[in-house]
Amino acid sequence: MKIRKKTFYGRGDHYNHSGYADLIITGLAGLRPRADNTVEVNPLAPARWDWFCLDNIPYHGKILTIVWDKAGTKFAKGKGLRLFSGSKEIAASASLARITGALV
């Protein structure tokens, strides 16, 4: 009789990719999930970063884009932190600060 050893995997063995993405989206970029139609972004990324962008984020049936462009030259969307729902800008800040906007 041959006994087979079962292999059990921990959560991190196969799901690290989704856990890591969540840290980037909700932490560094700062998208804070809410139940209402307000979109809240409160980034933890350091202000010394010149730029970052999270694009095509599905959120409450809409598509969001979060852009930080310190000089305003990388993405041609303006200087500072910008939040878009579809192609419409719904919130902005000159610095990496908490912003909110109405989901459209």
PDB file of N, CA and C in Angstrom:
ATOM      1  N   MET A   1       0.839  -1.175   0.000  1.00  0.00           N
ATOM      2  CA  MET A   1       0.000   0.000   0.000  1.00  0.00           C
ATOM      3  C   MET A   1       0.886   1.240   0.000  1.00  0.00           C
ATOM      4  N   LYS A   2       0.619   2.129  -0.942  1.00  0.00           N
ATOM      5  CA  LYS A   2       1.394   3.360  -1.057  1.00  0.00           C
ATOM      6  C   LYS A   2       0.579   4.511  -0.467  1.00  0.00           C
ATOM      7  N   ILE A   3       1.192   5.277   0.411  1.00  0.00           N
ATOM      8  CA  ILE A   3       0.515   6.411   1.041  1.00  0.00           C
ATOM      9  C   ILE A   3       0.969   7.692   0.355  1.00  0.00           C
ATOM     10  N   ARG A   4      -0.010   8.451  -0.079  1.00  0.00           N
ATOM     11  CA  ARG A   4       0.296   9.738  -0.711  1.00  0.00           C
ATOM     12  C   ARG A   4       0.256  10.838   0.334  1.00  0.00           C
ATOM     13  N   LYS A   5       1.237  11.666   0.272  1.00  0.00           N
ATOM     14  CA  LYS A   5       1.296  12.801   1.177  1.00  0.00           C
ATOM     15  C   LYS A   5       0.575  13.977   0.527  1.00  0.00           C
ATOM     16  N   LYS A   6      -0.367  14.547   1.241  1.00  0.00           N
ATOM     17  CA  LYS A   6      -1.058  15.727   0.736  1.00  0.00           C
ATOM     18  C   LYS A   6      -0.198  16.953   0.979  1.00  0.00           C
ATOM     19  N   THR A   7      -0.246  17.838   0.016  1.00  0.00           N
ATOM     20  CA  THR A   7       0.472  19.101   0.157  1.00  0.00           C
ATOM     21  C   THR A   7      -0.546  20.205   0.397  1.00  0.00           C
ATOM     22  N   PHE A   8      -0.356  20.934   1.450  1.00  0.00           N
ATOM     23  CA  PHE A   8      -1.226  22.058   1.764  1.00  0.00           C
ATOM     24  C   PHE A   8      -0.430  23.341   1.579  1.00  0.00           C
ATOM     25  N   TYR A   9      -1.047  24.253   0.909  1.00  0.00           N
ATOM     26  CA  TYR A   9      -0.386  25.525   0.656  1.00  0.00           C
ATOM     27  C   TYR A   9      -0.995  26.596   1.542  1.00  0.00           C
ATOM     28  N   GLY A  10      -0.146  27.457   2.006  1.00  0.00           N
ATOM     29  CA  GLY A  10      -0.613  28.599   2.776  1.00  0.00           C
ATOM     30  C   GLY A  10      -1.120  29.689   1.848  1.00  0.00           C
ATOM     31  N   ARG A  11      -1.788  30.665   2.396  1.00  0.00           N
ATOM     32  CA  ARG A  11      -2.356  31.752   1.599  1.00  0.00           C
ATOM     33  C   ARG A  11      -1.285  32.455   0.765  1.00  0.00           C
ATOM     34  N   GLY A  12      -0.128  32.690   1.310  1.00  0.00           N
ATOM     35  CA  GLY A  12       0.925  33.411   0.613  1.00  0.00           C
ATOM     36  C   GLY A  12       1.558  32.647  -0.531  1.00  0.00           C
ATOM     37  N   ASP A  13       1.394  31.321  -0.550  1.00  0.00           N
ATOM     38  CA  ASP A  13       2.010  30.522  -1.603  1.00  0.00           C
ATOM     39  C   ASP A  13       1.398  30.779  -2.973  1.00  0.00           C
ATOM     40  N   HIS A  14       0.102  31.045  -3.030  1.00  0.00           N
ATOM     41  CA  HIS A  14      -0.567  31.216  -4.315  1.00  0.00           C
ATOM     42  C   HIS A  14      -1.327  32.527  -4.452  1.00  0.00           C
ATOM     43  N   TYR A  15      -1.518  33.248  -3.378  1.00  0.00           N
ATOM     44  CA  TYR A  15      -2.335  34.455  -3.439  1.00  0.00           C
ATOM     45  C   TYR A  15      -1.543  35.717  -3.141  1.00  0.00           C
ATOM     46  N   ASN A  16      -0.248  35.627  -3.129  1.00  0.00           N
ATOM     47  CA  ASN A  16       0.578  36.796  -2.853  1.00  0.00           C
ATOM     48  C   ASN A  16       0.337  37.897  -3.873  1.00  0.00           C
ATOM     49  N   HIS A  17       0.095  37.520  -5.114  1.00  0.00           N
ATOM     50  CA  HIS A  17      -0.101  38.529  -6.144  1.00  0.00           C
ATOM     51  C   HIS A  17      -1.303  39.421  -5.839  1.00  0.00           C
ATOM     52  N   SER A  18      -2.403  38.879  -5.361  1.00  0.00           N
ATOM     53  CA  SER A  18      -3.566  39.713  -5.078  1.00  0.00           C
ATOM     54  C   SER A  18      -3.372  40.513  -3.799  1.00  0.00           C
ATOM     55  N   GLY A  19      -2.711  39.959  -2.825  1.00  0.00           N
ATOM     56  CA  GLY A  19      -2.425  40.699  -1.593  1.00  0.00           C
ATOM     57  C   GLY A  19      -1.482  41.850  -1.839  1.00  0.00           C
ATOM     58  N   TYR A  20      -0.508  41.646  -2.706  1.00  0.00           N
ATOM     59  CA  TYR A  20       0.458  42.693  -3.033  1.00  0.00           C
ATOM     60  C   TYR A  20      -0.219  43.834  -3.782  1.00  0.00           C
ATOM     61  N   ALA A  21      -1.055  43.500  -4.748  1.00  0.00           N
ATOM     62  CA  ALA A  21      -1.759  44.536  -5.515  1.00  0.00           C
ATOM     63  C   ALA A  21      -2.641  45.370  -4.597  1.00  0.00           C
ATOM     64  N   ASP A  22      -3.294  44.718  -3.643  1.00  0.00           N
ATOM     65  CA  ASP A  22      -4.140  45.439  -2.701  1.00  0.00           C
ATOM     66  C   ASP A  22      -3.338  46.457  -1.898  1.00  0.00           C
ATOM     67  N   LEU A  23      -2.138  46.091  -1.489  1.00  0.00           N
ATOM     68  CA  LEU A  23      -1.275  47.025  -0.746  1.00  0.00           C
ATOM     69  C   LEU A  23      -0.897  48.236  -1.598  1.00  0.00           C
ATOM     70  N   ILE A  24      -0.652  48.021  -2.868  1.00  0.00           N
ATOM     71  CA  ILE A  24      -0.307  49.119  -3.770  1.00  0.00           C
ATOM     72  C   ILE A  24      -1.516  50.030  -3.981  1.00  0.00           C
ATOM     73  N   ILE A  25      -2.674  49.435  -4.257  1.00  0.00           N
ATOM     74  CA  ILE A  25      -3.871  50.219  -4.582  1.00  0.00           C
ATOM     75  C   ILE A  25      -4.396  50.980  -3.365  1.00  0.00           C
ATOM     76  N   THR A  26      -4.554  50.293  -2.237  1.00  0.00           N
ATOM     77  CA  THR A  26      -5.140  50.947  -1.067  1.00  0.00           C
ATOM     78  C   THR A  26      -4.104  51.660  -0.203  1.00  0.00           C
ATOM     79  N   GLY A  27      -2.854  51.232  -0.281  1.00  0.00           N
ATOM     80  CA  GLY A  27      -1.807  51.843   0.534  1.00  0.00           C
ATOM     81  C   GLY A  27      -1.069  52.941  -0.184  1.00  0.00           C
ATOM     82  N   LEU A  28      -0.150  52.564  -1.062  1.00  0.00           N
ATOM     83  CA  LEU A  28       0.679  53.570  -1.740  1.00  0.00           C
ATOM     84  C   LEU A  28      -0.145  54.573  -2.546  1.00  0.00           C
ATOM     85  N   ALA A  29      -1.056  54.081  -3.376  1.00  0.00           N
ATOM     86  CA  ALA A  29      -1.881  54.993  -4.176  1.00  0.00           C
ATOM     87  C   ALA A  29      -3.025  55.575  -3.351  1.00  0.00           C
ATOM     88  N   GLY A  30      -3.487  54.850  -2.347  1.00  0.00           N
ATOM     89  CA  GLY A  30      -4.420  55.398  -1.372  1.00  0.00           C
ATOM     90  C   GLY A  30      -5.896  55.323  -1.678  1.00  0.00           C
ATOM     91  N   LEU A  31      -6.328  54.474  -2.602  1.00  0.00           N
ATOM     92  CA  LEU A  31      -7.753  54.347  -2.866  1.00  0.00           C
ATOM     93  C   LEU A  31      -8.427  53.658  -1.680  1.00  0.00           C
ATOM     94  N   ARG A  32      -9.333  54.368  -1.025  1.00  0.00           N
ATOM     95  CA  ARG A  32     -10.013  53.840   0.157  1.00  0.00           C
ATOM     96  C   ARG A  32     -11.434  53.434  -0.216  1.00  0.00           C
ATOM     97  N   PRO A  33     -11.731  52.155  -0.243  1.00  0.00           N
ATOM     98  CA  PRO A  33     -13.080  51.705  -0.611  1.00  0.00           C
ATOM     99  C   PRO A  33     -14.148  52.265   0.328  1.00  0.00           C
ATOM    100  N   ARG A  34     -15.247  52.695  -0.271  1.00  0.00           N
ATOM    101  CA  ARG A  34     -16.382  53.232   0.476  1.00  0.00           C
ATOM    102  C   ARG A  34     -17.668  52.685  -0.119  1.00  0.00           C
ATOM    103  N   ALA A  35     -18.736  52.681   0.660  1.00  0.00           N
ATOM    104  CA  ALA A  35     -20.019  52.170   0.192  1.00  0.00           C
ATOM    105  C   ALA A  35     -20.835  53.223  -0.554  1.00  0.00           C
ATOM    106  N   ASP A  36     -20.513  54.500  -0.359  1.00  0.00           N
ATOM    107  CA  ASP A  36     -21.284  55.551  -1.009  1.00  0.00           C
ATOM    108  C   ASP A  36     -20.677  55.921  -2.363  1.00  0.00           C
ATOM    109  N   ASN A  37     -21.143  56.980  -2.966  1.00  0.00           N
ATOM    110  CA  ASN A  37     -20.652  57.407  -4.281  1.00  0.00           C
ATOM    111  C   ASN A  37     -19.543  58.439  -4.194  1.00  0.00           C
ATOM    112  N   THR A  38     -18.850  58.482  -3.072  1.00  0.00           N
ATOM    113  CA  THR A  38     -17.678  59.341  -2.922  1.00  0.00           C
ATOM    114  C   THR A  38     -16.435  58.486  -3.110  1.00  0.00           C
ATOM    115  N   VAL A  39     -15.526  58.970  -3.922  1.00  0.00           N
ATOM    116  CA  VAL A  39     -14.248  58.286  -4.109  1.00  0.00           C
ATOM    117  C   VAL A  39     -13.228  59.001  -3.227  1.00  0.00           C
ATOM    118  N   GLU A  40     -12.534  58.247  -2.404  1.00  0.00           N
ATOM    119  CA  GLU A  40     -11.540  58.806  -1.491  1.00  0.00           C
ATOM    120  C   GLU A  40     -10.165  58.249  -1.833  1.00  0.00           C
ATOM    121  N   VAL A  41      -9.201  59.149  -1.964  1.00  0.00           N
ATOM    122  CA  VAL A  41      -7.812  58.769  -2.212  1.00  0.00           C
ATOM    123  C   VAL A  41      -6.960  59.461  -1.152  1.00  0.00           C
ATOM    124  N   ASN A  42      -6.191  58.668  -0.424  1.00  0.00           N
ATOM    125  CA  ASN A  42      -5.313  59.196   0.620  1.00  0.00           C
ATOM    126  C   ASN A  42      -3.973  58.463   0.525  1.00  0.00           C
ATOM    127  N   PRO A  43      -3.109  58.891  -0.402  1.00  0.00           N
ATOM    128  CA  PRO A  43      -1.892  58.127  -0.701  1.00  0.00           C
ATOM    129  C   PRO A  43      -0.844  58.150   0.413  1.00  0.00           C
ATOM    130  N   LEU A  44      -0.152  57.020   0.519  1.00  0.00           N
ATOM    131  CA  LEU A  44       0.969  56.896   1.441  1.00  0.00           C
ATOM    132  C   LEU A  44       2.312  56.998   0.714  1.00  0.00           C
ATOM    133  N   ALA A  45       2.276  57.139  -0.596  1.00  0.00           N
ATOM    134  CA  ALA A  45       3.513  57.256  -1.379  1.00  0.00           C
ATOM    135  C   ALA A  45       4.278  58.487  -0.918  1.00  0.00           C
ATOM    136  N   PRO A  46       5.610  58.400  -0.902  1.00  0.00           N
ATOM    137  CA  PRO A  46       6.397  59.552  -0.476  1.00  0.00           C
ATOM    138  C   PRO A  46       6.329  60.706  -1.489  1.00  0.00           C
ATOM    139  N   ALA A  47       6.276  61.922  -0.982  1.00  0.00           N
ATOM    140  CA  ALA A  47       6.184  63.113  -1.833  1.00  0.00           C
ATOM    141  C   ALA A  47       7.424  63.293  -2.711  1.00  0.00           C
ATOM    142  N   ARG A  48       8.511  62.622  -2.370  1.00  0.00           N
ATOM    143  CA  ARG A  48       9.726  62.746  -3.187  1.00  0.00           C
ATOM    144  C   ARG A  48       9.617  61.980  -4.510  1.00  0.00           C
ATOM    145  N   TRP A  49       8.618  61.080  -4.622  1.00  0.00           N
ATOM    146  CA  TRP A  49       8.399  60.386  -5.888  1.00  0.00           C
ATOM    147  C   TRP A  49       7.965  61.396  -6.933  1.00  0.00           C
ATOM    148  N   ASP A  50       8.525  61.284  -8.114  1.00  0.00           N
ATOM    149  CA  ASP A  50       8.187  62.217  -9.190  1.00  0.00           C
ATOM    150  C   ASP A  50       6.835  61.906  -9.815  1.00  0.00           C
ATOM    151  N   TRP A  51       6.486  60.643  -9.901  1.00  0.00           N
ATOM    152  CA  TRP A  51       5.218  60.284 -10.538  1.00  0.00           C
ATOM    153  C   TRP A  51       4.813  58.852 -10.232  1.00  0.00           C
ATOM    154  N   PHE A  52       3.524  58.588 -10.340  1.00  0.00           N
ATOM    155  CA  PHE A  52       2.958  57.241 -10.414  1.00  0.00           C
ATOM    156  C   PHE A  52       1.566  57.367 -11.017  1.00  0.00           C
ATOM    157  N   CYS A  53       1.066  56.257 -11.535  1.00  0.00           N
ATOM    158  CA  CYS A  53      -0.266  56.243 -12.121  1.00  0.00           C
ATOM    159  C   CYS A  53      -0.869  54.855 -11.967  1.00  0.00           C
ATOM    160  N   LEU A  54      -2.088  54.801 -11.493  1.00  0.00           N
ATOM    161  CA  LEU A  54      -2.889  53.577 -11.505  1.00  0.00           C
ATOM    162  C   LEU A  54      -4.040  53.844 -12.454  1.00  0.00           C
ATOM    163  N   ASP A  55      -4.144  53.041 -13.492  1.00  0.00           N
ATOM    164  CA  ASP A  55      -5.116  53.275 -14.546  1.00  0.00           C
ATOM    165  C   ASP A  55      -6.050  52.072 -14.682  1.00  0.00           C
ATOM    166  N   ASN A  56      -7.241  52.315 -15.149  1.00  0.00           N
ATOM    167  CA  ASN A  56      -8.242  51.268 -15.392  1.00  0.00           C
ATOM    168  C   ASN A  56      -8.598  50.500 -14.125  1.00  0.00           C
ATOM    169  N   ILE A  57      -8.872  51.205 -13.048  1.00  0.00           N
ATOM    170  CA  ILE A  57      -9.262  50.586 -11.788  1.00  0.00           C
ATOM    171  C   ILE A  57     -10.789  50.453 -11.756  1.00  0.00           C
ATOM    172  N   PRO A  58     -11.327  49.242 -11.795  1.00  0.00           N
ATOM    173  CA  PRO A  58     -12.783  49.092 -11.694  1.00  0.00           C
ATOM    174  C   PRO A  58     -13.257  49.447 -10.289  1.00  0.00           C
ATOM    175  N   TYR A  59     -14.264  50.307 -10.199  1.00  0.00           N
ATOM    176  CA  TYR A  59     -14.740  50.768  -8.894  1.00  0.00           C
ATOM    177  C   TYR A  59     -16.209  51.147  -9.007  1.00  0.00           C
ATOM    178  N   HIS A  60     -17.091  50.445  -8.341  1.00  0.00           N
ATOM    179  CA  HIS A  60     -18.534  50.724  -8.345  1.00  0.00           C
ATOM    180  C   HIS A  60     -19.089  50.872  -9.764  1.00  0.00           C
ATOM    181  N   GLY A  61     -18.658  50.032 -10.669  1.00  0.00           N
ATOM    182  CA  GLY A  61     -19.162  50.067 -12.033  1.00  0.00           C
ATOM    183  C   GLY A  61     -18.554  51.138 -12.918  1.00  0.00           C
ATOM    184  N   LYS A  62     -17.581  51.869 -12.415  1.00  0.00           N
ATOM    185  CA  LYS A  62     -16.887  52.916 -13.179  1.00  0.00           C
ATOM    186  C   LYS A  62     -15.415  52.538 -13.299  1.00  0.00           C
ATOM    187  N   ILE A  63     -14.680  53.297 -14.094  1.00  0.00           N
ATOM    188  CA  ILE A  63     -13.237  53.090 -14.239  1.00  0.00           C
ATOM    189  C   ILE A  63     -12.518  54.326 -13.698  1.00  0.00           C
ATOM    190  N   LEU A  64     -11.632  54.110 -12.726  1.00  0.00           N
ATOM    191  CA  LEU A  64     -10.892  55.205 -12.111  1.00  0.00           C
ATOM    192  C   LEU A  64      -9.444  55.235 -12.585  1.00  0.00           C
ATOM    193  N   THR A  65      -8.864  56.421 -12.509  1.00  0.00           N
ATOM    194  CA  THR A  65      -7.439  56.621 -12.735  1.00  0.00           C
ATOM    195  C   THR A  65      -6.924  57.546 -11.646  1.00  0.00           C
ATOM    196  N   ILE A  66      -5.828  57.146 -11.014  1.00  0.00           N
ATOM    197  CA  ILE A  66      -5.160  57.972 -10.006  1.00  0.00           C
ATOM    198  C   ILE A  66      -3.793  58.341 -10.564  1.00  0.00           C
ATOM    199  N   VAL A  67      -3.509  59.633 -10.639  1.00  0.00           N
ATOM    200  CA  VAL A  67      -2.250  60.108 -11.214  1.00  0.00           C
ATOM    201  C   VAL A  67      -1.556  61.052 -10.231  1.00  0.00           C
ATOM    202  N   TRP A  68      -0.294  60.785  -9.952  1.00  0.00           N
ATOM    203  CA  TRP A  68       0.562  61.730  -9.231  1.00  0.00           C
ATOM    204  C   TRP A  68       1.673  62.119 -10.197  1.00  0.00           C
ATOM    205  N   ASP A  69       1.736  63.379 -10.539  1.00  0.00           N
ATOM    206  CA  ASP A  69       2.754  63.894 -11.456  1.00  0.00           C
ATOM    207  C   ASP A  69       3.298  65.183 -10.844  1.00  0.00           C
ATOM    208  N   LYS A  70       4.412  65.047 -10.166  1.00  0.00           N
ATOM    209  CA  LYS A  70       4.983  66.157  -9.403  1.00  0.00           C
ATOM    210  C   LYS A  70       5.208  67.401 -10.259  1.00  0.00           C
ATOM    211  N   ALA A  71       5.770  67.218 -11.447  1.00  0.00           N
ATOM    212  CA  ALA A  71       6.077  68.351 -12.319  1.00  0.00           C
ATOM    213  C   ALA A  71       4.991  68.623 -13.355  1.00  0.00           C
ATOM    214  N   GLY A  72       4.090  67.666 -13.539  1.00  0.00           N
ATOM    215  CA  GLY A  72       3.028  67.834 -14.517  1.00  0.00           C
ATOM    216  C   GLY A  72       3.437  67.535 -15.946  1.00  0.00           C
ATOM    217  N   THR A  73       4.590  66.885 -16.130  1.00  0.00           N
ATOM    218  CA  THR A  73       5.096  66.636 -17.484  1.00  0.00           C
ATOM    219  C   THR A  73       5.051  65.168 -17.903  1.00  0.00           C
ATOM    220  N   LYS A  74       4.942  64.254 -16.978  1.00  0.00           N
ATOM    221  CA  LYS A  74       4.995  62.825 -17.295  1.00  0.00           C
ATOM    222  C   LYS A  74       3.732  62.338 -18.012  1.00  0.00           C
ATOM    223  N   PHE A  75       2.559  62.724 -17.521  1.00  0.00           N
ATOM    224  CA  PHE A  75       1.306  62.197 -18.059  1.00  0.00           C
ATOM    225  C   PHE A  75       0.470  63.242 -18.791  1.00  0.00           C
ATOM    226  N   ALA A  76       0.917  64.477 -18.802  1.00  0.00           N
ATOM    227  CA  ALA A  76       0.206  65.580 -19.476  1.00  0.00           C
ATOM    228  C   ALA A  76      -1.237  65.728 -18.982  1.00  0.00           C
ATOM    229  N   LYS A  77      -1.447  65.507 -17.696  1.00  0.00           N
ATOM    230  CA  LYS A  77      -2.770  65.669 -17.093  1.00  0.00           C
ATOM    231  C   LYS A  77      -2.779  66.804 -16.074  1.00  0.00           C
ATOM    232  N   GLY A  78      -1.667  67.483 -15.931  1.00  0.00           N
ATOM    233  CA  GLY A  78      -1.549  68.552 -14.951  1.00  0.00           C
ATOM    234  C   GLY A  78      -0.617  68.174 -13.821  1.00  0.00           C
ATOM    235  N   LYS A  79      -0.273  69.181 -13.059  1.00  0.00           N
ATOM    236  CA  LYS A  79       0.670  69.023 -11.942  1.00  0.00           C
ATOM    237  C   LYS A  79      -0.075  68.596 -10.679  1.00  0.00           C
ATOM    238  N   GLY A  80       0.491  67.639  -9.951  1.00  0.00           N
ATOM    239  CA  GLY A  80      -0.072  67.231  -8.674  1.00  0.00           C
ATOM    240  C   GLY A  80      -0.808  65.903  -8.734  1.00  0.00           C
ATOM    241  N   LEU A  81      -1.668  65.690  -7.745  1.00  0.00           N
ATOM    242  CA  LEU A  81      -2.458  64.467  -7.617  1.00  0.00           C
ATOM    243  C   LEU A  81      -3.798  64.691  -8.304  1.00  0.00           C
ATOM    244  N   ARG A  82      -4.179  63.768  -9.158  1.00  0.00           N
ATOM    245  CA  ARG A  82      -5.421  63.893  -9.920  1.00  0.00           C
ATOM    246  C   ARG A  82      -6.188  62.571  -9.838  1.00  0.00           C
ATOM    247  N   LEU A  83      -7.502  62.691  -9.747  1.00  0.00           N
ATOM    248  CA  LEU A  83      -8.383  61.537  -9.708  1.00  0.00           C
ATOM    249  C   LEU A  83      -9.404  61.682 -10.826  1.00  0.00           C
ATOM    250  N   PHE A  84      -9.507  60.646 -11.657  1.00  0.00           N
ATOM    251  CA  PHE A  84     -10.422  60.660 -12.790  1.00  0.00           C
ATOM    252  C   PHE A  84     -11.421  59.518 -12.673  1.00  0.00           C
ATOM    253  N   SER A  85     -12.667  59.809 -13.043  1.00  0.00           N
ATOM    254  CA  SER A  85     -13.693  58.791 -13.225  1.00  0.00           C
ATOM    255  C   SER A  85     -14.016  58.813 -14.711  1.00  0.00           C
ATOM    256  N   GLY A  86     -13.638  57.742 -15.407  1.00  0.00           N
ATOM    257  CA  GLY A  86     -13.702  57.782 -16.869  1.00  0.00           C
ATOM    258  C   GLY A  86     -12.708  58.830 -17.346  1.00  0.00           C
ATOM    259  N   SER A  87     -13.145  59.767 -18.147  1.00  0.00           N
ATOM    260  CA  SER A  87     -12.246  60.819 -18.628  1.00  0.00           C
ATOM    261  C   SER A  87     -12.442  62.127 -17.870  1.00  0.00           C
ATOM    262  N   LYS A  88     -13.344  62.142 -16.872  1.00  0.00           N
ATOM    263  CA  LYS A  88     -13.634  63.367 -16.136  1.00  0.00           C
ATOM    264  C   LYS A  88     -12.827  63.443 -14.845  1.00  0.00           C
ATOM    265  N   GLU A  89     -12.137  64.565 -14.645  1.00  0.00           N
ATOM    266  CA  GLU A  89     -11.411  64.779 -13.391  1.00  0.00           C
ATOM    267  C   GLU A  89     -12.422  65.096 -12.298  1.00  0.00           C
ATOM    268  N   ILE A  90     -12.355  64.331 -11.200  1.00  0.00           N
ATOM    269  CA  ILE A  90     -13.317  64.534 -10.118  1.00  0.00           C
ATOM    270  C   ILE A  90     -12.681  65.073  -8.836  1.00  0.00           C
ATOM    271  N   ALA A  91     -11.349  65.083  -8.756  1.00  0.00           N
ATOM    272  CA  ALA A  91     -10.659  65.657  -7.599  1.00  0.00           C
ATOM    273  C   ALA A  91      -9.203  65.905  -7.962  1.00  0.00           C
ATOM    274  N   ALA A  92      -8.601  66.891  -7.281  1.00  0.00           N
ATOM    275  CA  ALA A  92      -7.193  67.211  -7.535  1.00  0.00           C
ATOM    276  C   ALA A  92      -6.585  67.902  -6.316  1.00  0.00           C
ATOM    277  N   SER A  93      -5.268  67.784  -6.206  1.00  0.00           N
ATOM    278  CA  SER A  93      -4.506  68.457  -5.155  1.00  0.00           C
ATOM    279  C   SER A  93      -3.108  68.732  -5.681  1.00  0.00           C
ATOM    280  N   ALA A  94      -2.538  69.848  -5.286  1.00  0.00           N
ATOM    281  CA  ALA A  94      -1.174  70.185  -5.693  1.00  0.00           C
ATOM    282  C   ALA A  94      -0.149  69.302  -4.988  1.00  0.00           C
ATOM    283  N   SER A  95      -0.544  68.695  -3.856  1.00  0.00           N
ATOM    284  CA  SER A  95       0.376  67.846  -3.096  1.00  0.00           C
ATOM    285  C   SER A  95      -0.222  66.448  -2.939  1.00  0.00           C
ATOM    286  N   LEU A  96       0.583  65.539  -2.411  1.00  0.00           N
ATOM    287  CA  LEU A  96       0.087  64.192  -2.112  1.00  0.00           C
ATOM    288  C   LEU A  96      -0.701  64.269  -0.810  1.00  0.00           C
ATOM    289  N   ALA A  97      -1.982  64.569  -0.937  1.00  0.00           N
ATOM    290  CA  ALA A  97      -2.852  64.751   0.206  1.00  0.00           C
ATOM    291  C   ALA A  97      -4.163  64.014  -0.047  1.00  0.00           C
ATOM    292  N   ARG A  98      -4.960  63.866   0.998  1.00  0.00           N
ATOM    293  CA  ARG A  98      -6.263  63.220   0.881  1.00  0.00           C
ATOM    294  C   ARG A  98      -7.163  64.054  -0.025  1.00  0.00           C
ATOM    295  N   ILE A  99      -7.794  63.376  -0.988  1.00  0.00           N
ATOM    296  CA  ILE A  99      -8.765  64.025  -1.855  1.00  0.00           C
ATOM    297  C   ILE A  99     -10.012  63.161  -1.938  1.00  0.00           C
ATOM    298  N   THR A 100     -11.140  63.785  -2.202  1.00  0.00           N
ATOM    299  CA  THR A 100     -12.388  63.075  -2.416  1.00  0.00           C
ATOM    300  C   THR A 100     -13.097  63.688  -3.618  1.00  0.00           C
ATOM    301  N   GLY A 101     -13.863  62.864  -4.283  1.00  0.00           N
ATOM    302  CA  GLY A 101     -14.644  63.336  -5.415  1.00  0.00           C
ATOM    303  C   GLY A 101     -15.905  62.523  -5.572  1.00  0.00           C
ATOM    304  N   ALA A 102     -16.903  63.107  -6.209  1.00  0.00           N
ATOM    305  CA  ALA A 102     -18.157  62.411  -6.459  1.00  0.00           C
ATOM    306  C   ALA A 102     -18.000  61.510  -7.665  1.00  0.00           C
ATOM    307  N   LEU A 103     -18.393  60.263  -7.520  1.00  0.00           N
ATOM    308  CA  LEU A 103     -18.301  59.288  -8.590  1.00  0.00           C
ATOM    309  C   LEU A 103     -19.282  59.653  -9.696  1.00  0.00           C
ATOM    310  N   VAL A 104     -18.772  59.761 -10.921  1.00  0.00           N
ATOM    311  CA  VAL A 104     -19.632  60.093 -12.070  1.00  0.00           C
ATOM    312  C   VAL A 104     -19.500  59.035 -13.135  1.00  0.00           C
TER     313      VAL A 104
END
